[in-house]
Amino acid sequence: MSERLVSGIGMTSARTRDRLIERLRAAGIADERILERMRNVPRHLFVDEALASYAYEDKVLPLGYGQTISQPYIVALMTSGLISGKTKLDKILEIGTGCGYQTAVLAPFVRHIYSVERIRPLLQRAQQTLRQLKINNISLRHADGGHGWRSQAPFDGILVAAAPEQIPRELLEQLDEGGRLVIPAGRRGRQSLLCVTRRGTEFREREITDVSFVPLLEGTEL
């Protein structure tokens, strides 16, 4: 992939990205590591070419298949919830790879990411983009994310990019001691972004903000 394509021009240029970073900083994202990573990840490569001029606006964009790429503020907020107060995590589970943008943002902060996506064409597209960007510390799997990835558990953190009405017990059980689960939960129109920390057999829950995510669905699609 050419450096020019990654760097972007016009509405995908460094100046446009800088404006996004300033908006995120003004909205309360204070971790400079996250802001710098989001400046450097070419979000325009994770969306359809027709939408590239909107890539650095702080908005949700469609991916097809009834899915979306989260607005940058939410990506930054979820990343912060997972890595705040930590240097580098060992193993992270991501539920809902989507286009791979959140995966790319997380990559420098984790030794290895295990990411699950239920829609095969989205997974294949994410795999191609991440490979082109030389992001290699990931394992991708086409599966029902609600069951996690038990063979690789326990995880230092789990990030979920779709909303169940209630937090799946299987995901809680796959958290390591002190691990965090960052997940939107609740019915459509009444969802909250939660951070759940495991302390022994207890799970301590903290509400971060109100959100609106696509629902966490069962099964897979080819």
Protein backbone atom coordinates (compact mmCIF):
# COMPACT_ATOMS: atom_id res chain seq x y z
CA MET A 1 0.00 0.00 0.00
CA SER A 2 1.44 3.36 -1.03
CA GLU A 3 2.51 5.92 1.56
CA ARG A 4 0.40 8.52 -0.25
CA LEU A 5 -2.74 6.40 0.14
CA VAL A 6 -2.09 5.84 3.84
CA SER A 7 -1.22 9.49 4.51
CA GLY A 8 -4.26 10.77 2.64
CA ILE A 9 -4.95 14.02 0.80
CA GLY A 10 -7.63 16.69 1.01
CA MET A 11 -10.35 15.55 3.40
CA THR A 12 -8.17 12.61 4.54
CA SER A 13 -5.00 14.66 5.07
CA ALA A 14 -2.97 15.18 8.24
CA ARG A 15 -4.57 18.60 8.77
CA THR A 16 -8.04 17.05 8.72
CA ARG A 17 -6.93 14.38 11.19
CA ASP A 18 -5.49 17.03 13.50
CA ARG A 19 -8.89 18.74 13.65
CA LEU A 20 -10.47 15.46 14.71
CA ILE A 21 -7.88 14.98 17.45
CA GLU A 22 -8.57 18.46 18.79
CA ARG A 23 -12.31 17.67 18.91
CA LEU A 24 -11.58 14.43 20.81
CA ARG A 25 -9.33 16.28 23.25
CA ALA A 26 -12.03 18.90 23.80
CA ALA A 27 -14.56 16.12 24.42
CA GLY A 28 -12.46 14.78 27.30
CA ILE A 29 -10.10 12.20 25.74
CA ALA A 30 -6.93 12.97 27.70
CA ASP A 31 -4.63 9.98 27.03
CA GLU A 32 -2.10 11.30 24.52
CA ARG A 33 -1.13 7.74 23.55
CA ILE A 34 -4.65 7.13 22.29
CA LEU A 35 -4.91 10.50 20.56
CA GLU A 36 -1.61 9.94 18.76
CA ARG A 37 -2.65 6.47 17.66
CA MET A 38 -5.97 7.75 16.31
CA ARG A 39 -4.12 10.49 14.44
CA ASN A 40 -1.93 7.89 12.77
CA VAL A 41 -4.49 5.19 11.90
CA PRO A 42 -5.88 5.93 8.40
CA ARG A 43 -9.62 5.66 9.14
CA HIS A 44 -10.41 6.45 5.49
CA LEU A 45 -9.02 3.05 4.49
CA PHE A 46 -11.56 1.24 6.68
CA VAL A 47 -14.65 2.71 4.99
CA ASP A 48 -15.97 2.64 1.44
CA GLU A 49 -14.16 5.01 -0.90
CA ALA A 50 -17.35 7.03 -1.38
CA LEU A 51 -17.35 7.81 2.36
CA ALA A 52 -13.63 8.60 2.68
CA SER A 53 -14.21 12.36 2.83
CA TYR A 54 -16.26 11.82 6.02
CA ALA A 55 -13.72 9.51 7.69
CA TYR A 56 -12.29 12.14 10.05
CA GLU A 57 -15.58 13.57 11.16
CA ASP A 58 -16.70 12.38 14.58
CA LYS A 59 -19.60 10.34 13.30
CA VAL A 60 -20.82 6.78 12.76
CA LEU A 61 -20.52 5.55 9.16
CA PRO A 62 -22.19 2.54 7.49
CA LEU A 63 -20.19 -0.57 6.59
CA GLY A 64 -22.92 -2.58 4.92
CA TYR A 65 -24.50 -5.80 6.25
CA GLY A 66 -26.42 -3.69 8.78
CA GLN A 67 -23.18 -2.77 10.57
CA THR A 68 -21.40 0.52 11.28
CA ILE A 69 -17.96 1.87 12.15
CA SER A 70 -18.20 3.57 15.54
CA GLN A 71 -17.61 7.30 15.83
CA PRO A 72 -13.99 8.11 16.76
CA TYR A 73 -14.98 9.49 20.17
CA ILE A 74 -16.53 6.15 21.17
CA VAL A 75 -13.52 4.23 19.82
CA ALA A 76 -11.23 6.43 21.91
CA LEU A 77 -13.47 6.13 24.97
CA MET A 78 -13.62 2.32 24.76
CA THR A 79 -9.86 2.10 24.21
CA SER A 80 -9.31 4.31 27.26
CA GLY A 81 -11.62 2.16 29.37
CA LEU A 82 -9.56 -0.89 28.47
CA ILE A 83 -6.00 0.43 28.80
CA SER A 84 -6.28 3.28 31.35
CA GLY A 85 -3.60 2.97 34.03
CA LYS A 86 -1.81 0.16 32.19
CA THR A 87 1.35 0.11 30.10
CA LYS A 88 0.87 -2.84 27.73
CA LEU A 89 -1.68 -5.62 28.00
CA ASP A 90 -0.89 -9.23 27.16
CA LYS A 91 -4.07 -10.65 25.59
CA ILE A 92 -7.23 -8.86 24.50
CA LEU A 93 -10.44 -10.33 23.10
CA GLU A 94 -12.40 -8.14 20.68
CA ILE A 95 -15.99 -9.08 19.86
CA GLY A 96 -17.12 -7.56 16.58
CA THR A 97 -14.08 -6.98 14.33
CA GLY A 98 -16.22 -5.08 11.84
CA CYS A 99 -13.94 -3.25 9.42
CA GLY A 100 -10.95 -3.62 11.77
CA TYR A 101 -10.59 0.05 12.74
CA GLN A 102 -10.91 -0.50 16.50
CA THR A 103 -8.50 -3.44 16.15
CA ALA A 104 -5.95 -1.15 14.49
CA VAL A 105 -6.30 1.49 17.22
CA LEU A 106 -5.77 -1.11 19.96
CA ALA A 107 -2.84 -2.92 18.33
CA PRO A 108 0.12 -0.97 19.83
CA PHE A 109 -1.21 -1.32 23.36
CA VAL A 110 -1.53 -5.12 23.34
CA ARG A 111 0.86 -8.01 22.80
CA HIS A 112 -1.84 -9.95 20.95
CA ILE A 113 -5.48 -9.32 19.97
CA TYR A 114 -7.96 -12.14 19.40
CA SER A 115 -10.82 -10.72 17.36
CA VAL A 116 -14.13 -12.40 16.48
CA GLU A 117 -16.56 -11.37 13.73
CA ARG A 118 -19.84 -13.13 12.82
CA ILE A 119 -20.10 -11.74 9.24
CA ARG A 120 -17.50 -13.39 7.00
CA PRO A 121 -17.22 -10.70 4.26
CA LEU A 122 -16.53 -8.05 6.90
CA LEU A 123 -13.89 -10.25 8.50
CA GLN A 124 -12.19 -10.85 5.15
CA ARG A 125 -12.16 -7.13 4.39
CA ALA A 126 -10.73 -6.31 7.82
CA GLN A 127 -8.07 -8.97 7.43
CA GLN A 128 -6.96 -7.48 4.10
CA THR A 129 -6.80 -3.91 5.40
CA LEU A 130 -4.93 -4.85 8.58
CA ARG A 131 -2.46 -6.92 6.58
CA GLN A 132 -1.83 -4.00 4.20
CA LEU A 133 -1.12 -1.78 7.21
CA LYS A 134 1.31 -4.44 8.54
CA ILE A 135 -0.64 -4.93 11.78
CA ASN A 136 0.36 -8.49 12.61
CA ASN A 137 -0.30 -9.04 16.33
CA ILE A 138 -3.85 -10.25 15.70
CA SER A 139 -5.73 -13.51 15.27
CA LEU A 140 -9.10 -13.29 13.51
CA ARG A 141 -11.95 -15.78 13.77
CA HIS A 142 -15.34 -16.15 12.06
CA ALA A 143 -17.63 -17.15 14.93
CA ASP A 144 -20.47 -16.16 17.26
CA GLY A 145 -18.83 -13.52 19.47
CA GLY A 146 -21.24 -14.04 22.36
CA HIS A 147 -19.30 -17.19 23.25
CA GLY A 148 -15.94 -15.42 23.30
CA TRP A 149 -12.83 -17.46 22.46
CA ARG A 150 -12.59 -19.94 25.30
CA SER A 151 -9.47 -21.76 24.08
CA GLN A 152 -7.44 -18.54 24.39
CA ALA A 153 -8.89 -17.38 27.72
CA PRO A 154 -8.27 -15.83 30.19
CA PHE A 155 -7.94 -12.32 28.76
CA ASP A 156 -6.58 -9.13 30.33
CA GLY A 157 -9.38 -7.26 28.62
CA ILE A 158 -12.43 -7.82 26.45
CA LEU A 159 -13.93 -5.15 24.20
CA VAL A 160 -17.37 -5.68 22.66
CA ALA A 161 -18.58 -3.59 19.71
CA ALA A 162 -22.25 -4.67 19.77
CA ALA A 163 -24.85 -4.48 22.50
CA PRO A 164 -26.47 -7.46 24.24
CA GLU A 165 -29.46 -6.75 26.45
CA GLN A 166 -27.54 -8.42 29.29
CA ILE A 167 -23.83 -9.12 29.60
CA PRO A 168 -23.06 -12.70 28.46
CA ARG A 169 -21.85 -14.81 31.38
CA GLU A 170 -19.36 -16.60 29.11
CA LEU A 171 -17.51 -13.33 28.51
CA LEU A 172 -17.26 -12.54 32.21
CA GLU A 173 -15.87 -16.02 32.85
CA GLN A 174 -13.13 -15.45 30.26
CA LEU A 175 -11.74 -12.39 32.06
CA ASP A 176 -8.49 -12.83 33.96
CA GLU A 177 -8.13 -11.53 37.52
CA GLY A 178 -8.13 -7.73 37.34
CA GLY A 179 -9.23 -7.87 33.71
CA ARG A 180 -11.72 -5.41 32.27
CA LEU A 181 -14.72 -5.91 30.03
CA VAL A 182 -15.80 -2.80 28.08
CA ILE A 183 -19.25 -3.40 26.62
CA PRO A 184 -22.43 -1.57 25.59
CA ALA A 185 -25.51 -3.23 27.08
CA GLY A 186 -29.26 -2.72 27.17
CA ARG A 187 -32.19 -2.51 24.81
CA ARG A 188 -32.02 -0.30 21.74
CA GLY A 189 -32.58 3.30 22.81
CA ARG A 190 -31.56 2.54 26.42
CA GLN A 191 -27.97 1.34 26.16
CA SER A 192 -25.08 2.17 28.47
CA LEU A 193 -21.36 1.68 27.91
CA LEU A 194 -20.06 -0.30 30.89
CA CYS A 195 -16.64 -1.16 32.26
CA VAL A 196 -16.68 -4.37 34.33
CA THR A 197 -13.59 -5.36 36.35
CA ARG A 198 -13.04 -8.86 37.72
CA ARG A 199 -11.98 -9.19 41.36
CA GLY A 200 -11.95 -12.86 42.23
CA THR A 201 -15.51 -14.11 41.86
CA GLU A 202 -16.92 -10.56 41.90
CA PHE A 203 -17.50 -8.30 38.90
CA ARG A 204 -17.49 -4.59 39.64
CA GLU A 205 -19.48 -2.54 37.14
CA ARG A 206 -19.00 1.13 36.25
CA GLU A 207 -21.16 3.06 33.81
CA ILE A 208 -19.22 5.24 31.36
CA THR A 209 -21.86 6.91 29.18
CA ASP A 210 -25.06 6.41 27.20
CA VAL A 211 -24.49 4.90 23.75
CA SER A 212 -26.28 3.46 20.72
CA PHE A 213 -24.83 0.27 19.20
CA VAL A 214 -26.10 -2.40 16.84
CA PRO A 215 -27.37 -5.43 18.79
CA LEU A 216 -25.14 -8.40 19.60
CA LEU A 217 -26.67 -11.18 17.49
CA GLU A 218 -26.31 -14.94 17.76
CA GLY A 219 -24.92 -17.18 15.04
CA THR A 220 -22.80 -16.35 11.97
CA GLU A 221 -23.33 -15.13 8.41
CA LEU A 222 -21.38 -16.28 5.37
